[in-house]
Amino acid sequence: MVSIIIYTTAEKLLHKQGKLPDDDDWAENGYYYWHLRGVPRKLEVGDKIYFAVKGYIRGYFEVEDIDDSDECEIEFHSSSWVDIEPDNQLPSKSFQGFKYADKVEGLK
């Protein structure tokens, strides 16, 4: 099992947490997804998808499904969000794509 980290904007994270209006019926049920160009090897259902915003890893969702038939689409439910307390948030420089969480000290 392995978890990944995504760097995004505060607005996109609020959207994925279900805190912003969405016209998509699918999202009304609380399910959201994240598209990636590459498929994270060994990422499995039940792993974590951490999100970093404004220089810190803020929390994570639990992966519910992975569809890699065309491009990689990771599905999660907004209710699975777990905040990392501000005192425990780890710094993260901005990056594109994803990186593996096991490469970050403190997330192992």
Protein backbone atom coordinates (compact mmCIF):
# COMPACT_ATOMS: atom_id res chain seq x y z
CA MET A 1 0.00 0.00 0.00
CA VAL A 2 1.14 3.51 -0.79
CA SER A 3 -0.38 6.97 -0.49
CA ILE A 4 0.15 10.00 -2.71
CA ILE A 5 0.26 13.78 -2.31
CA ILE A 6 -1.38 16.32 -4.64
CA TYR A 7 -0.59 20.04 -4.56
CA THR A 8 -3.60 22.22 -5.38
CA THR A 9 -5.31 25.54 -4.69
CA ALA A 10 -7.42 26.27 -1.62
CA GLU A 11 -10.50 26.70 -3.82
CA LYS A 12 -10.09 23.31 -5.50
CA LEU A 13 -9.65 21.62 -2.13
CA LEU A 14 -12.81 23.28 -0.77
CA HIS A 15 -14.64 22.00 -3.87
CA LYS A 16 -13.43 18.43 -3.30
CA GLN A 17 -14.49 18.67 0.34
CA GLY A 18 -18.01 19.48 -0.88
CA LYS A 19 -17.88 22.99 0.57
CA LEU A 20 -18.51 24.82 -2.73
CA PRO A 21 -21.56 24.50 -5.02
CA ASP A 22 -21.26 21.98 -7.85
CA ASP A 23 -23.44 21.52 -10.95
CA ASP A 24 -22.45 17.87 -11.32
CA ASP A 25 -25.11 15.41 -10.08
CA TRP A 26 -22.37 12.93 -9.27
CA ALA A 27 -20.80 15.39 -6.84
CA GLU A 28 -24.17 15.95 -5.13
CA ASN A 29 -23.75 12.46 -3.67
CA GLY A 30 -20.41 13.53 -2.18
CA TYR A 31 -18.24 11.62 -4.64
CA TYR A 32 -15.36 13.46 -6.27
CA TYR A 33 -12.39 12.45 -8.37
CA TRP A 34 -8.91 13.61 -9.29
CA HIS A 35 -7.38 13.02 -12.73
CA LEU A 36 -3.69 12.22 -13.09
CA ARG A 37 -1.59 11.80 -16.22
CA GLY A 38 0.27 8.82 -14.84
CA VAL A 39 -0.93 5.94 -12.72
CA PRO A 40 0.61 5.79 -9.23
CA ARG A 41 2.08 2.31 -8.91
CA LYS A 42 0.81 0.27 -5.99
CA LEU A 43 -1.90 2.82 -5.11
CA GLU A 44 -4.89 0.84 -3.86
CA VAL A 45 -8.41 1.39 -2.63
CA GLY A 46 -8.15 2.39 1.03
CA ASP A 47 -4.89 4.32 0.57
CA LYS A 48 -4.75 8.04 1.28
CA ILE A 49 -4.64 10.92 -1.16
CA TYR A 50 -3.08 13.84 0.71
CA PHE A 51 -3.64 17.42 -0.42
CA ALA A 52 -1.14 20.23 0.02
CA VAL A 53 -2.21 23.87 -0.19
CA LYS A 54 -0.27 27.10 0.33
CA GLY A 55 2.92 25.33 1.36
CA TYR A 56 1.51 22.70 3.75
CA ILE A 57 -0.05 19.25 3.63
CA ARG A 58 -3.55 19.94 5.01
CA GLY A 59 -5.18 16.51 5.20
CA TYR A 60 -6.32 13.54 3.16
CA PHE A 61 -9.19 11.61 1.62
CA GLU A 62 -9.46 7.82 1.51
CA VAL A 63 -9.27 6.36 -2.01
CA GLU A 64 -12.53 4.57 -2.90
CA ASP A 65 -11.86 3.61 -6.52
CA ILE A 66 -9.14 3.89 -9.16
CA ASP A 67 -9.97 3.85 -12.86
CA ASP A 68 -6.88 3.66 -15.03
CA SER A 69 -8.55 2.45 -18.23
CA ASP A 70 -7.97 5.73 -20.11
CA GLU A 71 -6.29 8.23 -17.81
CA CYS A 72 -5.94 7.73 -14.10
CA GLU A 73 -9.03 8.84 -12.18
CA ILE A 74 -8.99 8.50 -8.40
CA GLU A 75 -12.38 8.58 -6.70
CA PHE A 76 -13.04 9.57 -3.08
CA HIS A 77 -15.96 10.71 -0.96
CA SER A 78 -15.95 14.18 0.58
CA SER A 79 -16.94 12.74 3.98
CA SER A 80 -13.68 10.79 4.18
CA TRP A 81 -11.68 14.04 4.56
CA VAL A 82 -9.38 14.08 7.62
CA ASP A 83 -7.80 17.39 8.63
CA ILE A 84 -4.22 17.44 9.82
CA GLU A 85 -4.04 19.74 12.84
CA PRO A 86 -2.19 22.99 12.03
CA ASP A 87 0.64 22.17 14.46
CA ASN A 88 1.19 18.83 12.67
CA GLN A 89 0.97 20.03 9.06
CA LEU A 90 4.11 19.28 7.11
CA PRO A 91 5.65 21.81 4.71
CA SER A 92 5.44 21.06 1.01
CA LYS A 93 6.80 23.02 -1.91
CA SER A 94 4.49 23.48 -4.88
CA PHE A 95 4.73 20.76 -7.54
CA GLN A 96 2.76 19.36 -10.49
CA GLY A 97 1.33 15.89 -10.74
CA PHE A 98 1.73 13.76 -7.64
CA LYS A 99 4.42 12.43 -5.37
CA TYR A 100 4.52 9.46 -3.05
CA ALA A 101 3.78 10.14 0.61
CA ASP A 102 6.38 7.62 1.80
CA LYS A 103 9.06 10.01 0.48
CA VAL A 104 7.94 12.66 3.02
CA GLU A 105 9.27 12.35 6.54
CA GLY A 106 6.34 12.32 8.96
CA LEU A 107 3.82 10.70 6.59
CA LYS A 108 5.32 7.22 6.59
